[in-house]
PDB file of N, CA and C in Angstrom:
ATOM      1  N   ASP A   1     -28.985  -3.892   5.179  1.00  0.00           N
ATOM      2  CA  ASP A   1     -29.778  -4.087   4.104  1.00  0.00           C
ATOM      3  C   ASP A   1     -29.038  -3.567   2.167  1.00  0.00           C
ATOM      4  N   ARG A   2     -29.981  -3.353   1.634  1.00  0.00           N
ATOM      5  CA  ARG A   2     -28.607  -3.933   0.422  1.00  0.00           C
ATOM      6  C   ARG A   2     -28.985  -1.936  -0.232  1.00  0.00           C
ATOM      7  N   HIS A   3     -28.845  -1.943   0.016  1.00  0.00           N
ATOM      8  CA  HIS A   3     -28.704  -0.147  -0.130  1.00  0.00           C
ATOM      9  C   HIS A   3     -27.734  -0.034   0.564  1.00  0.00           C
ATOM     10  N   ALA A   4     -27.754  -0.178   1.694  1.00  0.00           N
ATOM     11  CA  ALA A   4     -26.760   0.202   2.838  1.00  0.00           C
ATOM     12  C   ALA A   4     -25.170  -0.755   2.444  1.00  0.00           C
ATOM     13  N   GLN A   5     -25.076  -1.608   1.983  1.00  0.00           N
ATOM     14  CA  GLN A   5     -24.647  -2.333   1.619  1.00  0.00           C
ATOM     15  C   GLN A   5     -23.928  -2.103   0.585  1.00  0.00           C
ATOM     16  N   GLY A   6     -24.404  -1.723  -0.698  1.00  0.00           N
ATOM     17  CA  GLY A   6     -23.935  -0.913  -2.305  1.00  0.00           C
ATOM     18  C   GLY A   6     -23.055   0.686  -2.143  1.00  0.00           C
ATOM     19  N   GLU A   7     -24.021   0.894  -1.024  1.00  0.00           N
ATOM     20  CA  GLU A   7     -23.198   2.135  -0.449  1.00  0.00           C
ATOM     21  C   GLU A   7     -21.928   2.378   0.255  1.00  0.00           C
ATOM     22  N   SER A   8     -21.135   0.781   0.539  1.00  0.00           N
ATOM     23  CA  SER A   8     -20.770   0.406   1.451  1.00  0.00           C
ATOM     24  C   SER A   8     -19.329   0.206   0.517  1.00  0.00           C
ATOM     25  N   ILE A   9     -20.058  -0.703  -0.262  1.00  0.00           N
ATOM     26  CA  ILE A   9     -18.458  -1.080  -1.216  1.00  0.00           C
ATOM     27  C   ILE A   9     -17.676  -0.058  -2.002  1.00  0.00           C
ATOM     28  N   GLN A  10     -19.246   1.000  -2.335  1.00  0.00           N
ATOM     29  CA  GLN A  10     -18.997   1.768  -3.821  1.00  0.00           C
ATOM     30  C   GLN A  10     -17.800   2.812  -2.222  1.00  0.00           C
ATOM     31  N   LEU A  11     -18.359   3.015  -1.062  1.00  0.00           N
ATOM     32  CA  LEU A  11     -17.465   4.192  -0.266  1.00  0.00           C
ATOM     33  C   LEU A  11     -16.143   3.264   0.422  1.00  0.00           C
ATOM     34  N   GLY A  12     -15.715   2.452  -0.119  1.00  0.00           N
ATOM     35  CA  GLY A  12     -14.647   1.271  -0.078  1.00  0.00           C
ATOM     36  C   GLY A  12     -13.873   1.338  -1.382  1.00  0.00           C
ATOM     37  N   ALA A  13     -14.299   1.801  -2.348  1.00  0.00           N
ATOM     38  CA  ALA A  13     -13.810   1.691  -3.427  1.00  0.00           C
ATOM     39  C   ALA A  13     -13.196   3.603  -3.821  1.00  0.00           C
ATOM     40  N   THR A  14     -14.494   4.158  -3.377  1.00  0.00           N
ATOM     41  CA  THR A  14     -13.794   5.188  -3.340  1.00  0.00           C
ATOM     42  C   THR A  14     -12.631   5.845  -2.869  1.00  0.00           C
ATOM     43  N   ASP A  15     -12.922   4.882  -1.546  1.00  0.00           N
ATOM     44  CA  ASP A  15     -11.528   5.235  -1.136  1.00  0.00           C
ATOM     45  C   ASP A  15     -10.248   4.027  -1.359  1.00  0.00           C
ATOM     46  N   ARG A  16     -10.437   3.362  -2.278  1.00  0.00           N
ATOM     47  CA  ARG A  16      -8.572   2.759  -2.858  1.00  0.00           C
ATOM     48  C   ARG A  16      -8.474   3.812  -3.835  1.00  0.00           C
ATOM     49  N   THR A  17     -10.117   4.730  -4.315  1.00  0.00           N
ATOM     50  CA  THR A  17      -9.286   5.391  -5.152  1.00  0.00           C
ATOM     51  C   THR A  17      -8.968   6.343  -5.124  1.00  0.00           C
ATOM     52  N   ASP A  18      -9.177   6.692  -3.725  1.00  0.00           N
ATOM     53  CA  ASP A  18      -8.237   8.292  -3.154  1.00  0.00           C
ATOM     54  C   ASP A  18      -7.158   7.563  -2.758  1.00  0.00           C
ATOM     55  N   ARG A  19      -6.694   6.706  -2.186  1.00  0.00           N
ATOM     56  CA  ARG A  19      -5.175   6.178  -1.769  1.00  0.00           C
ATOM     57  C   ARG A  19      -4.575   5.811  -2.280  1.00  0.00           C
ATOM     58  N   ALA A  20      -5.556   5.118  -4.119  1.00  0.00           N
ATOM     59  CA  ALA A  20      -4.065   5.005  -5.383  1.00  0.00           C
ATOM     60  C   ALA A  20      -3.854   6.571  -5.737  1.00  0.00           C
ATOM     61  N   VAL A  21      -4.278   7.154  -5.571  1.00  0.00           N
ATOM     62  CA  VAL A  21      -3.993   8.719  -6.386  1.00  0.00           C
ATOM     63  C   VAL A  21      -3.150   9.353  -5.242  1.00  0.00           C
ATOM     64  N   ARG A  22      -2.641   9.282  -4.105  1.00  0.00           N
ATOM     65  CA  ARG A  22      -1.954   9.368  -3.128  1.00  0.00           C
ATOM     66  C   ARG A  22      -0.946   8.703  -3.456  1.00  0.00           C
ATOM     67  N   LEU A  23      -1.155   7.634  -3.626  1.00  0.00           N
ATOM     68  CA  LEU A  23       0.395   6.272  -4.104  1.00  0.00           C
ATOM     69  C   LEU A  23       1.314   6.761  -5.612  1.00  0.00           C
ATOM     70  N   ILE A  24       0.437   7.301  -6.392  1.00  0.00           N
ATOM     71  CA  ILE A  24       1.065   7.638  -7.419  1.00  0.00           C
ATOM     72  C   ILE A  24       1.951   9.731  -6.904  1.00  0.00           C
ATOM     73  N   HIS A  25       0.678  10.601  -6.047  1.00  0.00           N
ATOM     74  CA  HIS A  25       1.688  11.526  -6.454  1.00  0.00           C
ATOM     75  C   HIS A  25       2.508  11.305  -4.958  1.00  0.00           C
ATOM     76  N   ASP A  26       3.118  10.612  -3.915  1.00  0.00           N
ATOM     77  CA  ASP A  26       3.687  10.333  -3.392  1.00  0.00           C
ATOM     78  C   ASP A  26       5.294   9.912  -4.173  1.00  0.00           C
ATOM     79  N   LYS A  27       5.349   9.040  -4.947  1.00  0.00           N
ATOM     80  CA  LYS A  27       6.523   8.606  -6.037  1.00  0.00           C
ATOM     81  C   LYS A  27       6.543   9.448  -7.215  1.00  0.00           C
ATOM     82  N   ALA A  28       6.082  10.238  -6.974  1.00  0.00           N
ATOM     83  CA  ALA A  28       5.307  11.536  -8.459  1.00  0.00           C
ATOM     84  C   ALA A  28       6.865  12.634  -7.953  1.00  0.00           C
ATOM     85  N   GLU A  29       6.262  12.434  -5.830  1.00  0.00           N
ATOM     86  CA  GLU A  29       6.855  13.630  -6.032  1.00  0.00           C
ATOM     87  C   GLU A  29       8.586  13.049  -5.446  1.00  0.00           C
ATOM     88  N   VAL A  30       9.173  11.616  -5.217  1.00  0.00           N
ATOM     89  CA  VAL A  30       9.866  11.406  -4.835  1.00  0.00           C
ATOM     90  C   VAL A  30      10.540  11.361  -5.945  1.00  0.00           C
ATOM     91  N   ILE A  31      10.104  11.474  -7.447  1.00  0.00           N
ATOM     92  CA  ILE A  31      11.125  10.814  -8.737  1.00  0.00           C
ATOM     93  C   ILE A  31      11.345  12.981  -8.819  1.00  0.00           C
ATOM     94  N   HIS A  32      10.398  13.735  -8.870  1.00  0.00           N
ATOM     95  CA  HIS A  32      10.980  15.108  -9.331  1.00  0.00           C
ATOM     96  C   HIS A  32      11.212  15.452  -7.936  1.00  0.00           C
ATOM     97  N   ARG A  33      11.933  15.321  -6.743  1.00  0.00           N
ATOM     98  CA  ARG A  33      12.845  16.013  -5.652  1.00  0.00           C
ATOM     99  C   ARG A  33      14.394  15.104  -5.612  1.00  0.00           C
ATOM    100  N   ARG A  34      14.575  14.287  -6.566  1.00  0.00           N
ATOM    101  CA  ARG A  34      14.897  13.683  -6.823  1.00  0.00           C
ATOM    102  C   ARG A  34      15.966  13.175  -7.999  1.00  0.00           C
ATOM    103  N   GLY A  35      15.665  14.940  -8.859  1.00  0.00           N
ATOM    104  CA  GLY A  35      16.013  13.660 -10.186  1.00  0.00           C
ATOM    105  C   GLY A  35      17.025  15.620 -10.319  1.00  0.00           C
ATOM    106  N   PRO A  36      18.041  15.996 -10.944  1.00  0.00           N
ATOM    107  CA  PRO A  36      17.877  15.233 -11.990  1.00  0.00           C
ATOM    108  C   PRO A  36      18.139  13.887 -12.720  1.00  0.00           C
ATOM    109  N   TRP A  37      17.422  13.288 -13.773  1.00  0.00           N
ATOM    110  CA  TRP A  37      18.027  11.496 -13.540  1.00  0.00           C
ATOM    111  C   TRP A  37      18.305  11.542 -14.487  1.00  0.00           C
ATOM    112  N   ARG A  38      20.287  10.589 -14.606  1.00  0.00           N
ATOM    113  CA  ARG A  38      20.366  10.326 -16.110  1.00  0.00           C
ATOM    114  C   ARG A  38      20.013   8.959 -16.364  1.00  0.00           C
ATOM    115  N   SER A  39      19.455   8.653 -16.151  1.00  0.00           N
ATOM    116  CA  SER A  39      19.378   7.936 -17.530  1.00  0.00           C
ATOM    117  C   SER A  39      17.684   7.413 -16.346  1.00  0.00           C
ATOM    118  N   LEU A  40      17.249   6.057 -17.805  1.00  0.00           N
ATOM    119  CA  LEU A  40      15.589   5.633 -17.759  1.00  0.00           C
ATOM    120  C   LEU A  40      15.989   4.368 -16.637  1.00  0.00           C
ATOM    121  N   GLU A  41      17.153   3.899 -16.216  1.00  0.00           N
ATOM    122  CA  GLU A  41      17.625   2.767 -14.726  1.00  0.00           C
ATOM    123  C   GLU A  41      17.989   3.515 -14.018  1.00  0.00           C
ATOM    124  N   ALA A  42      17.681   4.719 -13.961  1.00  0.00           N
ATOM    125  CA  ALA A  42      18.832   5.591 -12.051  1.00  0.00           C
ATOM    126  C   ALA A  42      17.176   5.745 -12.171  1.00  0.00           C
ATOM    127  N   VAL A  43      16.289   5.817 -12.313  1.00  0.00           N
ATOM    128  CA  VAL A  43      14.396   6.447 -12.122  1.00  0.00           C
ATOM    129  C   VAL A  43      14.158   5.170 -12.076  1.00  0.00           C
ATOM    130  N   GLU A  44      13.895   4.404 -12.822  1.00  0.00           N
ATOM    131  CA  GLU A  44      13.011   2.433 -12.304  1.00  0.00           C
ATOM    132  C   GLU A  44      14.283   2.136 -10.860  1.00  0.00           C
ATOM    133  N   PHE A  45      15.527   2.325 -10.536  1.00  0.00           N
ATOM    134  CA  PHE A  45      16.345   1.802  -9.520  1.00  0.00           C
ATOM    135  C   PHE A  45      15.303   2.444  -8.287  1.00  0.00           C
ATOM    136  N   ALA A  46      15.741   3.712  -8.251  1.00  0.00           N
ATOM    137  CA  ALA A  46      14.990   5.269  -8.072  1.00  0.00           C
ATOM    138  C   ALA A  46      13.209   3.778  -6.898  1.00  0.00           C
ATOM    139  N   THR A  47      12.374   3.628  -8.264  1.00  0.00           N
ATOM    140  CA  THR A  47      11.319   3.314  -8.040  1.00  0.00           C
ATOM    141  C   THR A  47      11.191   2.617  -7.135  1.00  0.00           C
ATOM    142  N   LEU A  48      11.877   1.227  -7.532  1.00  0.00           N
ATOM    143  CA  LEU A  48      12.026   0.123  -6.172  1.00  0.00           C
ATOM    144  C   LEU A  48      12.329   0.451  -5.304  1.00  0.00           C
ATOM    145  N   GLU A  49      13.593   1.321  -4.954  1.00  0.00           N
ATOM    146  CA  GLU A  49      13.563   1.399  -3.438  1.00  0.00           C
ATOM    147  C   GLU A  49      12.347   2.404  -2.533  1.00  0.00           C
ATOM    148  N   TRP A  50      11.113   3.096  -3.884  1.00  0.00           N
ATOM    149  CA  TRP A  50      10.664   3.760  -2.985  1.00  0.00           C
ATOM    150  C   TRP A  50       9.454   2.264  -2.928  1.00  0.00           C
ATOM    151  N   VAL A  51       8.820   1.483  -3.815  1.00  0.00           N
ATOM    152  CA  VAL A  51       8.449   0.512  -3.543  1.00  0.00           C
ATOM    153  C   VAL A  51       8.292  -0.110  -2.343  1.00  0.00           C
ATOM    154  N   ASP A  52      10.072  -0.682  -2.078  1.00  0.00           N
ATOM    155  CA  ASP A  52      10.526  -1.687  -0.857  1.00  0.00           C
ATOM    156  C   ASP A  52      10.049  -0.482  -0.048  1.00  0.00           C
ATOM    157  N   TRP A  53      10.455   0.826   0.230  1.00  0.00           N
ATOM    158  CA  TRP A  53      10.331   1.565   1.702  1.00  0.00           C
ATOM    159  C   TRP A  53       8.418   1.182   1.911  1.00  0.00           C
ATOM    160  N   PHE A  54       7.347   0.910   0.211  1.00  0.00           N
ATOM    161  CA  PHE A  54       6.191   1.949   0.801  1.00  0.00           C
ATOM    162  C   PHE A  54       5.482   0.331   1.697  1.00  0.00           C
ATOM    163  N   ASN A  55       6.259  -0.827   0.716  1.00  0.00           N
ATOM    164  CA  ASN A  55       5.386  -2.103   1.572  1.00  0.00           C
ATOM    165  C   ASN A  55       6.560  -2.562   2.886  1.00  0.00           C
ATOM    166  N   HIS A  56       7.314  -2.416   3.126  1.00  0.00           N
ATOM    167  CA  HIS A  56       8.162  -2.851   4.237  1.00  0.00           C
ATOM    168  C   HIS A  56       8.886  -2.317   5.161  1.00  0.00           C
ATOM    169  N   ARG A  57       9.264  -0.892   5.097  1.00  0.00           N
ATOM    170  CA  ARG A  57       9.687  -0.170   6.646  1.00  0.00           C
ATOM    171  C   ARG A  57       8.746   1.098   6.422  1.00  0.00           C
ATOM    172  N   ARG A  58       8.295   1.849   5.464  1.00  0.00           N
ATOM    173  CA  ARG A  58       6.230   2.670   6.244  1.00  0.00           C
ATOM    174  C   ARG A  58       5.812   1.694   7.091  1.00  0.00           C
ATOM    175  N   LEU A  59       5.814   3.017   8.102  1.00  0.00           N
ATOM    176  CA  LEU A  59       4.698   1.924   8.956  1.00  0.00           C
ATOM    177  C   LEU A  59       3.508   3.634   9.228  1.00  0.00           C
ATOM    178  N   LEU A  60       2.281   2.505   9.255  1.00  0.00           N
ATOM    179  CA  LEU A  60       0.826   2.568   9.270  1.00  0.00           C
ATOM    180  C   LEU A  60       0.237   2.465  10.483  1.00  0.00           C
ATOM    181  N   GLU A  61      -0.373   3.813  10.795  1.00  0.00           N
ATOM    182  CA  GLU A  61      -0.703   3.639  11.978  1.00  0.00           C
ATOM    183  C   GLU A  61      -2.223   3.486  12.791  1.00  0.00           C
ATOM    184  N   PRO A  62      -3.491   2.439  11.511  1.00  0.00           N
ATOM    185  CA  PRO A  62      -4.507   2.254  11.701  1.00  0.00           C
ATOM    186  C   PRO A  62      -4.178   0.216  11.996  1.00  0.00           C
ATOM    187  N   ILE A  63      -2.715   0.275  11.409  1.00  0.00           N
ATOM    188  CA  ILE A  63      -2.557  -0.931  11.551  1.00  0.00           C
ATOM    189  C   ILE A  63      -1.771  -1.124  12.841  1.00  0.00           C
ATOM    190  N   ALA A  64      -1.780  -1.005  13.688  1.00  0.00           N
ATOM    191  CA  ALA A  64      -1.003  -0.061  15.456  1.00  0.00           C
ATOM    192  C   ALA A  64       0.665  -0.097  14.703  1.00  0.00           C
ATOM    193  N   ASN A  65       1.104   0.690  13.419  1.00  0.00           N
ATOM    194  CA  ASN A  65       1.972   1.426  13.211  1.00  0.00           C
ATOM    195  C   ASN A  65       3.704   0.109  13.163  1.00  0.00           C
ATOM    196  N   ILE A  66       2.761  -0.998  12.035  1.00  0.00           N
ATOM    197  CA  ILE A  66       3.794  -1.641  11.994  1.00  0.00           C
ATOM    198  C   ILE A  66       3.324  -2.046  10.305  1.00  0.00           C
ATOM    199  N   PRO A  67       4.972  -1.433   8.954  1.00  0.00           N
ATOM    200  CA  PRO A  67       4.434  -1.852   7.874  1.00  0.00           C
ATOM    201  C   PRO A  67       3.477  -2.932   6.660  1.00  0.00           C
ATOM    202  N   PRO A  68       3.215  -2.431   6.385  1.00  0.00           N
ATOM    203  CA  PRO A  68       1.749  -3.538   5.638  1.00  0.00           C
ATOM    204  C   PRO A  68       2.447  -4.918   5.253  1.00  0.00           C
ATOM    205  N   ALA A  69       3.765  -4.938   4.692  1.00  0.00           N
ATOM    206  CA  ALA A  69       3.777  -6.610   4.102  1.00  0.00           C
ATOM    207  C   ALA A  69       3.661  -7.056   5.602  1.00  0.00           C
ATOM    208  N   GLU A  70       4.898  -6.648   7.232  1.00  0.00           N
ATOM    209  CA  GLU A  70       4.393  -6.957   7.919  1.00  0.00           C
ATOM    210  C   GLU A  70       2.449  -7.561   8.403  1.00  0.00           C
ATOM    211  N   ALA A  71       1.722  -6.444   8.479  1.00  0.00           N
ATOM    212  CA  ALA A  71       1.095  -6.697   8.394  1.00  0.00           C
ATOM    213  C   ALA A  71      -0.450  -8.183   7.944  1.00  0.00           C
ATOM    214  N   GLU A  72       0.239  -7.640   6.302  1.00  0.00           N
ATOM    215  CA  GLU A  72       0.097  -8.921   5.624  1.00  0.00           C
ATOM    216  C   GLU A  72       0.252 -10.328   6.009  1.00  0.00           C
ATOM    217  N   ALA A  73       1.188 -10.866   6.464  1.00  0.00           N
ATOM    218  CA  ALA A  73       2.116 -11.647   6.576  1.00  0.00           C
ATOM    219  C   ALA A  73       0.857 -12.245   8.770  1.00  0.00           C
ATOM    220  N   LEU A  74       0.698 -11.693   9.529  1.00  0.00           N
ATOM    221  CA  LEU A  74      -0.037 -11.298   9.734  1.00  0.00           C
ATOM    222  C   LEU A  74      -0.891 -12.166  10.184  1.00  0.00           C
ATOM    223  N   TYR A  75      -1.300 -11.431   8.435  1.00  0.00           N
ATOM    224  CA  TYR A  75      -3.177 -11.961   8.220  1.00  0.00           C
ATOM    225  C   TYR A  75      -2.957 -13.620   7.634  1.00  0.00           C
ATOM    226  N   CYS A  76      -1.788 -13.400   7.233  1.00  0.00           N
ATOM    227  CA  CYS A  76      -1.867 -15.185   6.224  1.00  0.00           C
ATOM    228  C   CYS A  76      -1.226 -15.335   7.477  1.00  0.00           C
ATOM    229  N   ALA A  77      -1.141 -15.357   8.333  1.00  0.00           N
ATOM    230  CA  ALA A  77      -0.610 -16.383   9.306  1.00  0.00           C
ATOM    231  C   ALA A  77      -1.970 -17.029  10.332  1.00  0.00           C
ATOM    232  N   ALA A  78      -2.336 -16.226  10.334  1.00  0.00           N
ATOM    233  CA  ALA A  78      -4.221 -16.308  11.155  1.00  0.00           C
ATOM    234  C   ALA A  78      -4.612 -17.082  10.097  1.00  0.00           C
ATOM    235  N   GLN A  79      -4.636 -17.151   9.401  1.00  0.00           N
ATOM    236  CA  GLN A  79      -5.051 -17.320   9.097  1.00  0.00           C
ATOM    237  C   GLN A  79      -5.725 -18.874   8.298  1.00  0.00           C
ATOM    238  N   GLU A  80      -4.067 -19.193   7.447  1.00  0.00           N
ATOM    239  CA  GLU A  80      -3.727 -20.460   8.416  1.00  0.00           C
ATOM    240  C   GLU A  80      -3.861 -21.180  10.250  1.00  0.00           C
ATOM    241  N   ASP A  81      -3.881 -20.530  10.926  1.00  0.00           N
ATOM    242  CA  ASP A  81      -4.177 -21.746  12.119  1.00  0.00           C
ATOM    243  C   ASP A  81      -5.858 -21.308  11.620  1.00  0.00           C
ATOM    244  N   LEU A  82      -6.558 -21.404  11.716  1.00  0.00           N
ATOM    245  CA  LEU A  82      -8.384 -20.516  11.147  1.00  0.00           C
ATOM    246  C   LEU A  82      -8.165 -21.839  10.567  1.00  0.00           C
ATOM    247  N   LEU A  83      -6.915 -22.237   9.333  1.00  0.00           N
ATOM    248  CA  LEU A  83      -7.575 -23.165   8.845  1.00  0.00           C
ATOM    249  C   LEU A  83      -7.330 -24.987   8.756  1.00  0.00           C
ATOM    250  N   LEU A  84      -6.347 -24.919   9.839  1.00  0.00           N
ATOM    251  CA  LEU A  84      -6.000 -25.761  10.724  1.00  0.00           C
ATOM    252  C   LEU A  84      -6.759 -25.554  11.838  1.00  0.00           C
ATOM    253  N   ALA A  85      -7.062 -25.759  12.346  1.00  0.00           N
ATOM    254  CA  ALA A  85      -8.048 -25.616  13.706  1.00  0.00           C
ATOM    255  C   ALA A  85      -8.971 -25.980  13.345  1.00  0.00           C
ATOM    256  N   ALA A  86      -9.621 -25.983  11.600  1.00  0.00           N
ATOM    257  CA  ALA A  86     -11.141 -26.184  11.642  1.00  0.00           C
ATOM    258  C   ALA A  86     -11.152 -27.057  11.508  1.00  0.00           C
TER     259      ALA A  86
END
């Protein structure tokens, strides 16, 4: 039913918002914990290190304890296989 679909989409958006807020909070924790910072470049570099960890080394239980980048690569490969099979 349309109402249930709308509710599902709305819940998905809320989940994404909650995750984004947690993500920003986690990044802020890293910045504050590793300070004081000598320069803006040092903060930018630490942020890039954190983003790299978040995307390439962080293991997520809901996706079989693999990093998000690996899950994305597997998904894209599966989509290509589907297109080639069609």
